[in-house]
Structure formats: C-alpha cells, structure tokens
Amino acid sequence: MDLNLGLSESDLDALIGSMDYRLFLNPKNELYRERKMKESPPPRPEAIRLMARNPNLIRRPLFAKGRKVVPGFDIELVNQFLA
C-alpha cells in the first residue's frame, strides 16, 4: 500500500512560486545523487513531479509565512524570515 502523504504537484508548484525550484531539491537524497541532479537538474515540471512522488527529495525543513518560503535550514535566512 502506497500512502504518499506529501504535497501534490500543484501544492509544490504554488509553494515554490517564482523561486528557483532547485533550492527545494534535497542534495542528501539518494534519487538526487543517483540522477546527478547537481550537475544536471531536471526541468522544473519533472522536478516537481519527482518531489510529489518522493517527498524525501524535498529539502527540509520548509518555513512558510504568507508568500515567503525558506527551504532547508540556513540560519541567516531563517533569522531574516522570522524577524
């Protein structure tokens, strides 16, 4: 039984908005490394599809406030976000 409780493609597309979708890809994920996404990232629609199907491919944590989103834990960005 596949219980994917992650975000849908439309949810991810809306969350990412006009930001660089590559910031949301988790470089520690096995699929990321297998597909060598650092050197050759997939096009945005494919990346969103892959993240929707493989939630661990999404960089975490995600901080969201209104329309602002910070993927991953960059202490400087998080502090600016919370200010």
N, C-alpha and C. Protein backbone atom coordinates (compact mmCIF):
# COMPACT_ATOMS: atom_id res chain seq x y z
N MET A 1 0.85 -1.17 0.00
CA MET A 1 0.00 0.00 0.00
C MET A 1 0.90 1.24 0.00
N ASP A 2 0.67 2.14 -0.93
CA ASP A 2 1.45 3.37 -1.05
C ASP A 2 0.66 4.51 -0.43
N LEU A 3 1.14 5.00 0.70
CA LEU A 3 0.48 6.13 1.37
C LEU A 3 1.37 7.35 1.26
N ASN A 4 1.36 8.00 0.12
CA ASN A 4 2.16 9.21 -0.07
C ASN A 4 1.39 10.37 0.54
N LEU A 5 1.86 10.85 1.67
CA LEU A 5 1.19 11.94 2.37
C LEU A 5 1.88 13.27 2.12
N GLY A 6 2.71 13.32 1.07
CA GLY A 6 3.44 14.54 0.75
C GLY A 6 2.55 15.56 0.05
N LEU A 7 3.18 16.55 -0.51
CA LEU A 7 2.48 17.62 -1.22
C LEU A 7 2.19 17.18 -2.65
N SER A 8 1.08 17.64 -3.19
CA SER A 8 0.74 17.34 -4.58
C SER A 8 1.59 18.21 -5.50
N GLU A 9 1.58 17.89 -6.79
CA GLU A 9 2.32 18.69 -7.76
C GLU A 9 1.83 20.14 -7.75
N SER A 10 0.53 20.33 -7.69
CA SER A 10 0.01 21.70 -7.69
C SER A 10 0.36 22.43 -6.39
N ASP A 11 0.36 21.70 -5.27
CA ASP A 11 0.78 22.31 -3.99
C ASP A 11 2.23 22.77 -4.07
N LEU A 12 3.09 21.90 -4.58
CA LEU A 12 4.51 22.23 -4.70
C LEU A 12 4.74 23.39 -5.65
N ASP A 13 4.04 23.38 -6.78
CA ASP A 13 4.18 24.45 -7.75
C ASP A 13 3.80 25.80 -7.13
N ALA A 14 2.71 25.81 -6.37
CA ALA A 14 2.26 27.04 -5.71
C ALA A 14 3.23 27.45 -4.61
N LEU A 15 3.73 26.48 -3.85
CA LEU A 15 4.66 26.77 -2.76
C LEU A 15 5.97 27.36 -3.29
N ILE A 16 6.49 26.78 -4.35
CA ILE A 16 7.75 27.24 -4.93
C ILE A 16 7.57 28.59 -5.63
N GLY A 17 6.40 28.77 -6.24
CA GLY A 17 6.11 30.04 -6.90
C GLY A 17 7.18 30.41 -7.91
N SER A 18 7.70 31.63 -7.81
CA SER A 18 8.69 32.10 -8.77
C SER A 18 10.13 31.85 -8.29
N MET A 19 10.27 31.17 -7.13
CA MET A 19 11.60 30.86 -6.63
C MET A 19 12.27 29.80 -7.51
N ASP A 20 13.56 29.68 -7.38
CA ASP A 20 14.31 28.66 -8.10
C ASP A 20 13.95 27.30 -7.50
N TYR A 21 13.31 26.46 -8.27
CA TYR A 21 12.86 25.15 -7.79
C TYR A 21 14.03 24.29 -7.31
N ARG A 22 15.22 24.52 -7.82
CA ARG A 22 16.38 23.71 -7.44
C ARG A 22 16.73 23.87 -5.97
N LEU A 23 16.33 25.01 -5.36
CA LEU A 23 16.57 25.23 -3.94
C LEU A 23 15.77 24.24 -3.07
N PHE A 24 14.73 23.66 -3.65
CA PHE A 24 13.85 22.76 -2.91
C PHE A 24 14.27 21.30 -3.03
N LEU A 25 15.25 21.01 -3.89
CA LEU A 25 15.73 19.64 -4.06
C LEU A 25 16.73 19.30 -2.95
N ASN A 26 16.55 18.16 -2.33
CA ASN A 26 17.38 17.73 -1.22
C ASN A 26 18.63 17.00 -1.74
N PRO A 27 19.80 17.64 -1.66
CA PRO A 27 21.02 17.02 -2.18
C PRO A 27 21.46 15.78 -1.40
N LYS A 28 20.89 15.53 -0.24
CA LYS A 28 21.24 14.35 0.53
C LYS A 28 20.39 13.13 0.15
N ASN A 29 19.40 13.35 -0.71
CA ASN A 29 18.51 12.26 -1.11
C ASN A 29 19.19 11.35 -2.13
N GLU A 30 18.94 10.06 -2.01
CA GLU A 30 19.55 9.07 -2.89
C GLU A 30 19.19 9.31 -4.36
N LEU A 31 17.92 9.61 -4.64
CA LEU A 31 17.49 9.86 -6.01
C LEU A 31 18.22 11.07 -6.60
N TYR A 32 18.41 12.10 -5.80
CA TYR A 32 19.15 13.30 -6.21
C TYR A 32 20.55 12.91 -6.65
N ARG A 33 21.20 12.09 -5.84
CA ARG A 33 22.58 11.68 -6.14
C ARG A 33 22.62 10.72 -7.33
N GLU A 34 21.70 9.75 -7.38
CA GLU A 34 21.67 8.78 -8.47
C GLU A 34 21.51 9.47 -9.82
N ARG A 35 20.65 10.46 -9.86
CA ARG A 35 20.38 11.17 -11.12
C ARG A 35 21.32 12.35 -11.37
N LYS A 36 22.28 12.53 -10.45
CA LYS A 36 23.27 13.60 -10.59
C LYS A 36 22.60 14.95 -10.86
N MET A 37 21.61 15.25 -10.01
CA MET A 37 20.82 16.47 -10.20
C MET A 37 21.61 17.74 -9.96
N LYS A 38 22.71 17.65 -9.22
CA LYS A 38 23.52 18.85 -9.02
C LYS A 38 24.12 19.30 -10.35
N GLU A 39 24.66 18.34 -11.08
CA GLU A 39 25.28 18.65 -12.37
C GLU A 39 24.25 18.86 -13.48
N SER A 40 23.15 18.13 -13.39
CA SER A 40 22.15 18.17 -14.45
C SER A 40 20.74 18.13 -13.84
N PRO A 41 20.29 19.28 -13.29
CA PRO A 41 18.96 19.28 -12.66
C PRO A 41 17.86 19.03 -13.69
N PRO A 42 16.82 18.32 -13.27
CA PRO A 42 15.70 18.10 -14.19
C PRO A 42 14.96 19.41 -14.43
N PRO A 43 14.22 19.50 -15.53
CA PRO A 43 13.39 20.69 -15.75
C PRO A 43 12.39 20.82 -14.61
N ARG A 44 11.92 22.03 -14.39
CA ARG A 44 11.00 22.31 -13.27
C ARG A 44 9.81 21.35 -13.21
N PRO A 45 9.08 21.12 -14.31
CA PRO A 45 7.91 20.22 -14.20
C PRO A 45 8.29 18.81 -13.74
N GLU A 46 9.42 18.30 -14.23
CA GLU A 46 9.85 16.97 -13.82
C GLU A 46 10.30 16.97 -12.35
N ALA A 47 11.02 18.01 -11.93
CA ALA A 47 11.46 18.11 -10.54
C ALA A 47 10.26 18.14 -9.61
N ILE A 48 9.25 18.91 -9.96
CA ILE A 48 8.04 18.98 -9.13
C ILE A 48 7.33 17.64 -9.09
N ARG A 49 7.26 16.96 -10.23
CA ARG A 49 6.64 15.63 -10.27
C ARG A 49 7.42 14.66 -9.38
N LEU A 50 8.75 14.70 -9.46
CA LEU A 50 9.58 13.80 -8.66
C LEU A 50 9.44 14.11 -7.17
N MET A 51 9.40 15.39 -6.80
CA MET A 51 9.24 15.75 -5.39
C MET A 51 7.88 15.31 -4.86
N ALA A 52 6.84 15.41 -5.69
CA ALA A 52 5.49 15.00 -5.26
C ALA A 52 5.45 13.49 -5.03
N ARG A 53 6.17 12.74 -5.85
CA ARG A 53 6.17 11.28 -5.73
C ARG A 53 7.18 10.77 -4.71
N ASN A 54 8.19 11.58 -4.42
CA ASN A 54 9.26 11.20 -3.49
C ASN A 54 9.47 12.34 -2.50
N PRO A 55 8.62 12.45 -1.48
CA PRO A 55 8.69 13.58 -0.55
C PRO A 55 10.06 13.79 0.10
N ASN A 56 10.84 12.72 0.23
CA ASN A 56 12.18 12.88 0.81
C ASN A 56 13.12 13.64 -0.11
N LEU A 57 12.71 13.85 -1.34
CA LEU A 57 13.51 14.64 -2.29
C LEU A 57 13.35 16.14 -2.01
N ILE A 58 12.40 16.50 -1.17
CA ILE A 58 12.17 17.91 -0.83
C ILE A 58 13.09 18.29 0.33
N ARG A 59 13.84 19.35 0.15
CA ARG A 59 14.72 19.86 1.22
C ARG A 59 13.87 20.33 2.39
N ARG A 60 14.28 19.95 3.58
CA ARG A 60 13.56 20.33 4.79
C ARG A 60 14.50 20.92 5.81
N PRO A 61 13.94 21.61 6.76
CA PRO A 61 12.53 21.96 6.92
C PRO A 61 12.13 23.03 5.92
N LEU A 62 10.83 23.19 5.77
CA LEU A 62 10.28 24.28 4.97
C LEU A 62 9.64 25.27 5.92
N PHE A 63 10.08 26.50 5.86
CA PHE A 63 9.47 27.57 6.65
C PHE A 63 8.61 28.39 5.70
N ALA A 64 7.34 28.53 6.01
CA ALA A 64 6.43 29.29 5.15
C ALA A 64 5.67 30.30 6.00
N LYS A 65 5.62 31.52 5.48
CA LYS A 65 4.89 32.60 6.16
C LYS A 65 4.33 33.49 5.06
N GLY A 66 3.02 33.47 4.93
CA GLY A 66 2.42 34.21 3.82
C GLY A 66 2.91 33.64 2.50
N ARG A 67 3.49 34.49 1.68
CA ARG A 67 4.02 34.02 0.40
C ARG A 67 5.52 33.77 0.43
N LYS A 68 6.14 33.94 1.60
CA LYS A 68 7.58 33.70 1.73
C LYS A 68 7.83 32.26 2.16
N VAL A 69 8.82 31.64 1.52
CA VAL A 69 9.19 30.27 1.85
C VAL A 69 10.71 30.19 1.93
N VAL A 70 11.20 29.49 2.94
CA VAL A 70 12.64 29.23 3.07
C VAL A 70 12.81 27.72 3.14
N PRO A 71 13.43 27.11 2.11
CA PRO A 71 13.70 25.67 2.15
C PRO A 71 15.04 25.39 2.83
N GLY A 72 15.08 24.36 3.66
CA GLY A 72 16.32 23.98 4.33
C GLY A 72 16.58 24.86 5.54
N PHE A 73 17.66 24.55 6.23
CA PHE A 73 17.95 25.29 7.45
C PHE A 73 19.21 26.12 7.25
N ASP A 74 19.03 27.29 6.69
CA ASP A 74 20.10 28.29 6.57
C ASP A 74 19.82 29.30 7.67
N ILE A 75 20.63 29.28 8.73
CA ILE A 75 20.34 30.06 9.93
C ILE A 75 20.14 31.54 9.62
N GLU A 76 20.92 32.10 8.71
CA GLU A 76 20.77 33.52 8.38
C GLU A 76 19.42 33.79 7.71
N LEU A 77 19.05 32.94 6.74
CA LEU A 77 17.76 33.11 6.06
C LEU A 77 16.60 32.91 7.03
N VAL A 78 16.71 31.93 7.91
CA VAL A 78 15.64 31.67 8.87
C VAL A 78 15.49 32.84 9.82
N ASN A 79 16.61 33.38 10.31
CA ASN A 79 16.53 34.55 11.20
C ASN A 79 15.90 35.76 10.49
N GLN A 80 16.25 35.98 9.24
CA GLN A 80 15.63 37.08 8.47
C GLN A 80 14.13 36.80 8.29
N PHE A 81 13.81 35.56 8.03
CA PHE A 81 12.44 35.16 7.82
C PHE A 81 11.60 35.39 9.07
N LEU A 82 12.15 35.07 10.22
CA LEU A 82 11.41 35.19 11.48
C LEU A 82 11.36 36.62 12.01
N ALA A 83 12.23 37.48 11.51
CA ALA A 83 12.28 38.86 12.00
C ALA A 83 11.07 39.65 11.56
